[in-house]
Amino acid sequence: MKPNQSIRVSHMLRGIEDPVLIISSDKLIVLNANRKAIDTLTNGKASQLRGLPLQSAYGGERLEAFPKPLPAAFLLPVSQNGNIALINFRVSPLKIEGKKYWLAIGRKVEQAEELQKRLQDLEQEKSLQQMKVQFMSMTSHEFRTPLTAISSAMDLLEARLELDGQLSSFHRLQLRKMADEIFQLNSMLDEVLALSRMAGNNWEPDRKAVAPEQIIEALRYQYFSQRKDERSLLLSVEGEPRPILADRDQLAKVFTNLISNAFKYSTQKNPSVKLSYKKKKLVITFRDHGIGIPESDLPYLFTSFYRGSNVDGIEGTGLGLSIVKTFVESNRGTISVSSGVNEGTTFTLVFEDFADAI
């Protein structure tokens, strides 16, 4: 090959991590080889490879010429540190300035012992993964039981104080604070439980006809009413409501997270949710007027454990939006976000699978 051709070929060889040979089409001379091929076939001795005929084996005492014609694939036994390995080369034609060469790219053939070891490693990793999933699930459920008992006791206490005429504004404020903290803990446990199901591939949706506005209305009453800051969730519906096909539990977790974030990251105005029923799709927008999200954070917003650069001092695990995106997409929806620092944030969900269209 001409000097400029050699330079081009050398650049190409350096860009491939597997063993690569450039072989002449007539006499099967190894014209060039990358460093991986030299190390693998001749233990780093380029003089025993380049410029010589392709051999039927490398690393042994006796070298035999490779039979012609060159097949589309061939195996080369290689002796390395007293062990024999097989390199499987795939051959394809290569043309440089009208002249034909053979490009052979190799990959080590794993022996039965190596395959068995890899299988054992995979089985062990799978077992550890299952143990992690089971532990996360068990822990979440174990924490939820006492939290439910505490919540029930608080409701009874509030009812009794009110019945006895002793429910002062101080008592009401403290009970609301406790309720808020319990809600935050339950939300965190929901995230951990969802993450464990996702890790165990146990989160496929059970899609049935659901009414999103009813889910949001129930969440607003159960979790986002009687707040200590006296803010409330504004809900508006545009168009004729129609049920969509979705997993009710997953949809509830999506809505809970987005509504909770809207309250968490804003302090003055009321967050809002708008459902727009169009002919072929449902568009749901969650909007707040809070601290917003820096532009540099937006590409990573749905990444697990990622938190915005301007949320110091605000509790959170960084898991919520990752789970939200997974659940939205598993229900064949899309999610997008628009935001600016101190300009608020808007999340937009779009679902196109109406139940009455199936």
Protein backbone atom coordinates (compact mmCIF):
# COMPACT_ATOMS: atom_id res chain seq x y z
CA MET A 1 0.00 0.00 0.00
CA LYS A 2 1.08 3.57 -0.64
CA PRO A 3 2.20 5.72 2.32
CA ASN A 4 -1.02 7.74 2.47
CA GLN A 5 -3.04 4.50 2.30
CA SER A 6 -1.06 3.04 5.20
CA ILE A 7 -1.82 6.10 7.31
CA ARG A 8 -5.55 5.82 6.63
CA VAL A 9 -5.55 2.11 7.41
CA SER A 10 -3.55 2.64 10.62
CA HIS A 11 -6.12 5.19 11.82
CA MET A 12 -8.89 2.72 11.10
CA LEU A 13 -7.14 -0.10 12.95
CA ARG A 14 -6.56 2.00 16.06
CA GLY A 15 -10.28 2.68 16.27
CA ILE A 16 -11.19 -1.01 16.65
CA GLU A 17 -10.67 -2.72 20.01
CA ASP A 18 -10.88 -6.32 18.71
CA PRO A 19 -7.98 -8.02 16.84
CA VAL A 20 -7.93 -6.80 13.22
CA LEU A 21 -5.89 -7.98 10.24
CA ILE A 22 -5.51 -6.47 6.76
CA ILE A 23 -4.73 -9.35 4.38
CA SER A 24 -3.76 -9.29 0.71
CA SER A 25 -6.35 -10.89 -1.52
CA ASP A 26 -3.89 -12.89 -3.64
CA LYS A 27 -1.15 -14.36 -1.43
CA LEU A 28 -2.90 -13.89 1.94
CA ILE A 29 -0.07 -11.78 3.30
CA VAL A 30 -0.82 -9.97 6.59
CA LEU A 31 -0.13 -6.43 5.44
CA ASN A 32 -1.18 -4.72 8.65
CA ALA A 33 -2.53 -5.52 12.10
CA ASN A 34 -3.63 -3.49 15.08
CA ARG A 35 -1.99 -3.69 18.50
CA LYS A 36 -4.68 -6.03 19.84
CA ALA A 37 -4.03 -8.54 17.02
CA ILE A 38 -0.25 -8.37 17.53
CA ASP A 39 -0.58 -8.94 21.29
CA THR A 40 -3.13 -11.74 20.88
CA LEU A 41 -1.53 -13.70 18.04
CA THR A 42 2.20 -13.21 18.60
CA ASN A 43 2.52 -11.95 22.17
CA GLY A 44 3.42 -8.44 20.99
CA LYS A 45 5.96 -9.41 18.30
CA ALA A 46 4.86 -7.51 15.20
CA SER A 47 7.74 -8.97 13.16
CA GLN A 48 6.13 -12.42 13.45
CA LEU A 49 2.87 -11.20 11.92
CA ARG A 50 3.17 -8.21 9.60
CA GLY A 51 4.49 -8.93 6.12
CA LEU A 52 4.19 -12.70 6.54
CA PRO A 53 1.63 -15.16 5.11
CA LEU A 54 -1.41 -15.81 7.27
CA GLN A 55 -0.74 -18.92 9.38
CA SER A 56 -3.15 -21.67 10.43
CA ALA A 57 -2.10 -21.25 14.08
CA TYR A 58 -0.02 -18.86 16.15
CA GLY A 59 2.16 -19.28 19.20
CA GLY A 60 3.18 -22.87 18.47
CA GLU A 61 6.54 -24.16 17.27
CA ARG A 62 5.29 -25.26 13.83
CA LEU A 63 3.63 -22.70 11.56
CA GLU A 64 1.63 -23.81 8.57
CA ALA A 65 0.42 -21.63 5.70
CA PHE A 66 -3.28 -20.84 5.70
CA PRO A 67 -5.27 -22.73 3.04
CA LYS A 68 -6.73 -20.84 0.08
CA PRO A 69 -9.17 -19.41 -0.78
CA LEU A 70 -9.87 -17.33 2.34
CA PRO A 71 -13.29 -18.30 3.77
CA ALA A 72 -15.88 -15.84 5.09
CA ALA A 73 -14.95 -16.87 8.66
CA PHE A 74 -12.10 -18.84 10.18
CA LEU A 75 -10.73 -19.92 13.55
CA LEU A 76 -7.12 -19.38 14.62
CA PRO A 77 -5.74 -21.41 17.56
CA VAL A 78 -3.53 -19.17 19.70
CA SER A 79 -1.07 -20.31 22.36
CA GLN A 80 -0.94 -17.87 25.29
CA ASN A 81 0.87 -18.61 28.56
CA GLY A 82 0.64 -22.33 27.94
CA ASN A 83 -3.09 -22.23 27.19
CA ILE A 84 -4.79 -22.59 23.82
CA ALA A 85 -7.46 -20.07 22.90
CA LEU A 86 -9.52 -19.79 19.74
CA ILE A 87 -9.98 -16.52 17.87
CA ASN A 88 -12.98 -16.39 15.56
CA PHE A 89 -12.28 -14.06 12.61
CA ARG A 90 -15.02 -12.68 10.36
CA VAL A 91 -13.86 -11.67 6.88
CA SER A 92 -15.18 -8.89 4.66
CA PRO A 93 -13.81 -7.30 1.47
CA LEU A 94 -12.04 -3.96 1.74
CA LYS A 95 -11.26 -1.65 -1.16
CA ILE A 96 -8.68 1.12 -1.02
CA GLU A 97 -8.21 3.19 -4.15
CA GLY A 98 -9.67 0.41 -6.29
CA LYS A 99 -7.51 -2.39 -4.90
CA LYS A 100 -9.10 -5.29 -3.03
CA TYR A 101 -7.99 -6.50 0.41
CA TRP A 102 -9.47 -8.68 3.13
CA LEU A 103 -10.48 -7.18 6.47
CA ALA A 104 -10.56 -9.81 9.24
CA ILE A 105 -11.95 -8.86 12.67
CA GLY A 106 -11.58 -11.43 15.44
CA ARG A 107 -13.15 -12.21 18.78
CA LYS A 108 -12.11 -14.75 21.37
CA VAL A 109 -14.22 -17.90 21.53
CA GLU A 110 -15.16 -18.59 25.12
CA GLN A 111 -14.41 -22.09 26.32
CA ALA A 112 -16.89 -24.23 28.23
CA GLU A 113 -15.20 -23.43 31.57
CA GLU A 114 -15.41 -19.69 30.92
CA LEU A 115 -19.04 -19.96 29.87
CA GLN A 116 -19.86 -21.95 33.01
CA LYS A 117 -18.14 -19.39 35.23
CA ARG A 118 -19.97 -16.53 33.55
CA LEU A 119 -23.26 -18.38 33.99
CA GLN A 120 -22.52 -18.87 37.69
CA ASP A 121 -21.66 -15.18 38.05
CA LEU A 122 -24.92 -14.22 36.36
CA GLU A 123 -26.91 -16.56 38.59
CA GLN A 124 -25.24 -15.12 41.69
CA GLU A 125 -25.90 -11.58 40.51
CA LYS A 126 -29.53 -12.47 39.82
CA SER A 127 -29.87 -13.97 43.31
CA LEU A 128 -28.38 -10.86 44.93
CA GLN A 129 -30.69 -8.66 42.87
CA GLN A 130 -33.71 -10.67 44.01
CA MET A 131 -32.58 -10.38 47.63
CA LYS A 132 -32.26 -6.61 47.27
CA VAL A 133 -35.73 -6.35 45.72
CA GLN A 134 -37.26 -8.51 48.47
CA PHE A 135 -35.52 -6.49 51.20
CA MET A 136 -36.69 -3.17 49.75
CA SER A 137 -40.24 -4.46 49.40
CA MET A 138 -40.31 -5.95 52.91
CA THR A 139 -38.84 -2.81 54.48
CA SER A 140 -41.37 -0.57 52.74
CA HIS A 141 -44.29 -2.65 53.95
CA GLU A 142 -42.90 -2.90 57.49
CA PHE A 143 -42.57 0.89 57.73
CA ARG A 144 -46.02 1.47 56.26
CA THR A 145 -47.78 -0.53 58.99
CA PRO A 146 -46.79 1.71 61.93
CA LEU A 147 -47.32 4.82 59.82
CA THR A 148 -50.88 3.72 59.10
CA ALA A 149 -51.43 3.10 62.82
CA ILE A 150 -50.07 6.55 63.70
CA SER A 151 -52.26 8.19 61.08
CA SER A 152 -55.35 6.40 62.37
CA ALA A 153 -54.53 7.36 65.97
CA MET A 154 -54.17 11.01 64.90
CA ASP A 155 -57.57 10.94 63.21
CA LEU A 156 -59.15 9.48 66.37
CA LEU A 157 -57.38 12.04 68.55
CA GLU A 158 -58.56 14.92 66.37
CA ALA A 159 -62.13 13.60 66.38
CA ARG A 160 -62.15 13.18 70.17
CA LEU A 161 -60.68 16.63 70.82
CA GLU A 162 -63.28 18.18 68.54
CA LEU A 163 -66.08 16.20 70.22
CA ASP A 164 -64.91 17.40 73.67
CA GLY A 165 -64.61 20.99 72.45
CA GLN A 166 -60.86 21.00 73.11
CA LEU A 167 -59.55 21.18 69.52
CA SER A 168 -57.73 24.51 69.62
CA SER A 169 -55.93 26.16 66.70
CA PHE A 170 -52.66 25.01 68.29
CA HIS A 171 -53.80 21.38 68.31
CA ARG A 172 -55.06 21.63 64.74
CA LEU A 173 -51.74 23.11 63.53
CA GLN A 174 -49.66 20.40 65.20
CA LEU A 175 -51.88 17.63 63.83
CA ARG A 176 -51.53 19.09 60.33
CA LYS A 177 -47.75 19.16 60.71
CA MET A 178 -47.73 15.50 61.74
CA ALA A 179 -50.03 14.62 58.84
CA ASP A 180 -47.67 16.38 56.40
CA GLU A 181 -44.68 14.45 57.73
CA ILE A 182 -46.55 11.15 57.50
CA PHE A 183 -47.48 11.98 53.92
CA GLN A 184 -43.83 12.67 53.08
CA LEU A 185 -42.75 9.36 54.63
CA ASN A 186 -45.47 7.47 52.77
CA SER A 187 -44.42 9.13 49.52
CA MET A 188 -40.82 8.10 50.10
CA LEU A 189 -41.89 4.51 50.84
CA ASP A 190 -43.98 4.52 47.66
CA GLU A 191 -40.89 5.55 45.71
CA VAL A 192 -38.74 2.83 47.30
CA LEU A 193 -41.42 0.20 46.68
CA ALA A 194 -41.86 1.32 43.07
CA LEU A 195 -38.09 1.22 42.58
CA SER A 196 -37.91 -2.33 43.96
CA ARG A 197 -40.66 -3.46 41.58
CA MET A 198 -38.90 -1.82 38.65
CA ALA A 199 -35.62 -3.47 39.62
CA GLY A 200 -37.40 -6.82 39.76
CA ASN A 201 -39.19 -6.22 36.44
CA ASN A 202 -42.48 -6.46 38.32
CA TRP A 203 -44.08 -3.22 37.25
CA GLU A 204 -45.93 -4.02 34.03
CA PRO A 205 -49.16 -1.98 34.03
CA ASP A 206 -52.65 -3.45 34.39
CA ARG A 207 -54.31 -1.11 31.93
CA LYS A 208 -58.05 -0.64 32.37
CA ALA A 209 -60.52 2.17 31.82
CA VAL A 210 -59.87 4.94 34.38
CA ALA A 211 -61.08 8.51 34.78
CA PRO A 212 -58.02 10.72 35.50
CA GLU A 213 -60.07 13.63 36.86
CA GLN A 214 -61.61 11.34 39.49
CA ILE A 215 -58.16 10.17 40.62
CA ILE A 216 -56.93 13.76 40.91
CA GLU A 217 -60.09 14.83 42.76
CA ALA A 218 -59.64 11.99 45.27
CA LEU A 219 -55.97 12.87 45.79
CA ARG A 220 -56.82 16.54 46.26
CA TYR A 221 -59.33 15.70 48.97
CA GLN A 222 -57.22 13.04 50.69
CA TYR A 223 -53.76 14.61 50.67
CA PHE A 224 -53.81 18.18 49.45
CA SER A 225 -56.69 19.79 51.36
CA GLN A 226 -56.58 21.59 54.72
CA ARG A 227 -52.94 22.52 54.28
CA LYS A 228 -51.29 24.59 56.97
CA ASP A 229 -50.33 27.24 54.39
CA GLU A 230 -54.03 27.32 53.32
CA ARG A 231 -53.15 26.78 49.67
CA SER A 232 -55.24 24.42 47.57
CA LEU A 233 -54.99 22.60 44.26
CA LEU A 234 -56.88 24.21 41.40
CA LEU A 235 -58.45 21.66 39.04
CA SER A 236 -60.01 22.49 35.68
CA VAL A 237 -61.40 20.28 32.93
CA GLU A 238 -61.71 21.28 29.29
CA GLY A 239 -63.74 19.22 26.84
CA GLU A 240 -65.85 16.13 27.41
CA PRO A 241 -64.23 13.76 29.96
CA ARG A 242 -63.52 10.27 28.62
CA PRO A 243 -61.84 7.31 30.35
CA ILE A 244 -58.34 6.35 29.23
CA LEU A 245 -56.61 2.98 29.33
CA ALA A 246 -54.08 3.05 32.18
CA ASP A 247 -52.98 1.38 35.40
CA ARG A 248 -54.91 3.19 38.12
CA ASP A 249 -52.26 2.70 40.84
CA GLN A 250 -49.41 3.84 38.60
CA LEU A 251 -51.41 6.85 37.42
CA ALA A 252 -52.19 7.78 41.04
CA LYS A 253 -48.46 7.65 41.90
CA VAL A 254 -47.66 9.86 38.90
CA PHE A 255 -50.28 12.43 39.87
CA THR A 256 -49.32 12.33 43.56
CA ASN A 257 -45.68 13.02 42.79
CA LEU A 258 -46.33 15.87 40.37
CA ILE A 259 -48.89 17.54 42.63
CA SER A 260 -46.66 17.10 45.69
CA ASN A 261 -43.72 18.67 43.80
CA ALA A 262 -45.92 21.57 42.73
CA PHE A 263 -46.66 22.37 46.38
CA LYS A 264 -43.13 21.57 47.58
CA TYR A 265 -41.26 23.85 45.17
CA SER A 266 -43.65 26.82 45.38
CA THR A 267 -44.84 28.75 48.42
CA GLN A 268 -47.20 31.55 47.35
CA LYS A 269 -49.74 30.82 44.61
CA ASN A 270 -51.96 27.76 44.26
CA PRO A 271 -50.66 25.00 41.97
CA SER A 272 -53.03 23.95 39.21
CA VAL A 273 -53.93 20.91 37.14
CA LYS A 274 -55.70 21.19 33.82
CA LEU A 275 -57.16 18.28 31.86
CA SER A 276 -57.81 19.04 28.19
CA TYR A 277 -59.85 16.34 26.45
CA LYS A 278 -59.23 16.62 22.74
CA LYS A 279 -60.51 14.47 19.87
CA LYS A 280 -57.58 12.03 19.83
CA LYS A 281 -55.68 12.73 23.03
CA LEU A 282 -55.82 13.84 26.64
CA VAL A 283 -53.38 16.55 27.69
CA ILE A 284 -52.78 17.03 31.43
CA THR A 285 -50.71 19.98 32.64
CA PHE A 286 -49.38 20.39 36.18
CA ARG A 287 -48.29 23.96 36.84
CA ASP A 288 -46.72 25.77 39.77
CA HIS A 289 -45.34 29.28 40.26
CA GLY A 290 -42.29 28.35 42.32
CA ILE A 291 -38.51 28.31 42.14
CA GLY A 292 -38.37 26.67 38.72
CA ILE A 293 -35.65 24.46 37.27
CA PRO A 294 -32.32 25.74 35.88
CA GLU A 295 -31.90 25.06 32.17
CA SER A 296 -28.72 23.06 32.82
CA ASP A 297 -30.68 20.61 35.02
CA LEU A 298 -33.49 19.87 32.55
CA PRO A 299 -31.69 17.13 30.53
CA TYR A 300 -31.08 15.11 33.73
CA LEU A 301 -34.39 15.74 35.47
CA PHE A 302 -35.79 12.24 34.96
CA THR A 303 -32.57 10.47 36.00
CA SER A 304 -32.70 8.40 39.19
CA PHE A 305 -31.25 10.12 42.29
CA TYR A 306 -30.71 13.38 40.38
CA ARG A 307 -31.82 16.57 42.14
CA GLY A 308 -31.83 20.10 40.81
CA SER A 309 -28.97 22.40 41.68
CA ASN A 310 -31.32 24.89 43.36
CA VAL A 311 -33.21 22.59 45.77
CA ASP A 312 -30.82 22.58 48.73
CA GLY A 313 -32.77 22.39 51.99
CA ILE A 314 -35.86 20.88 50.35
CA GLU A 315 -36.37 17.21 51.16
CA GLY A 316 -36.43 14.63 48.40
CA THR A 317 -34.80 11.43 47.20
CA GLY A 318 -34.34 12.22 43.52
CA LEU A 319 -36.34 9.11 42.62
CA GLY A 320 -39.80 10.55 42.05
CA LEU A 321 -39.51 11.93 38.53
CA SER A 322 -37.61 8.89 37.31
CA ILE A 323 -40.49 6.70 38.49
CA VAL A 324 -43.02 9.16 37.04
CA LYS A 325 -41.43 8.93 33.58
CA THR A 326 -41.28 5.12 33.75
CA PHE A 327 -44.95 4.82 34.74
CA VAL A 328 -46.13 7.38 32.18
CA GLU A 329 -44.31 5.63 29.35
CA SER A 330 -45.39 2.17 30.52
CA ASN A 331 -48.95 3.41 30.09
CA ARG A 332 -48.12 4.56 26.55
CA GLY A 333 -48.03 8.23 27.46
CA THR A 334 -45.43 10.97 27.12
CA ILE A 335 -44.14 13.54 29.58
CA SER A 336 -42.35 16.83 28.99
CA VAL A 337 -41.33 19.78 31.14
CA SER A 338 -40.86 23.49 30.64
CA SER A 339 -39.41 25.72 33.32
CA GLY A 340 -37.26 28.68 34.18
CA VAL A 341 -35.60 29.84 37.39
CA ASN A 342 -38.17 31.70 39.54
CA GLU A 343 -40.71 31.35 36.72
CA GLY A 344 -42.42 28.17 37.84
CA THR A 345 -42.61 24.75 36.21
CA THR A 346 -45.10 23.02 33.94
CA PHE A 347 -45.21 19.26 33.40
CA THR A 348 -47.27 18.10 30.43
CA LEU A 349 -48.59 14.55 30.09
CA VAL A 350 -50.22 13.26 26.90
CA PHE A 351 -52.26 10.05 26.63
CA GLU A 352 -53.81 8.89 23.36
CA ASP A 353 -55.40 5.56 24.32
CA PHE A 354 -59.04 6.31 25.10
CA ALA A 355 -60.96 3.34 26.48
CA ASP A 356 -63.98 3.95 24.24
CA ALA A 357 -61.78 3.85 21.12
CA ILE A 358 -60.64 0.25 21.69
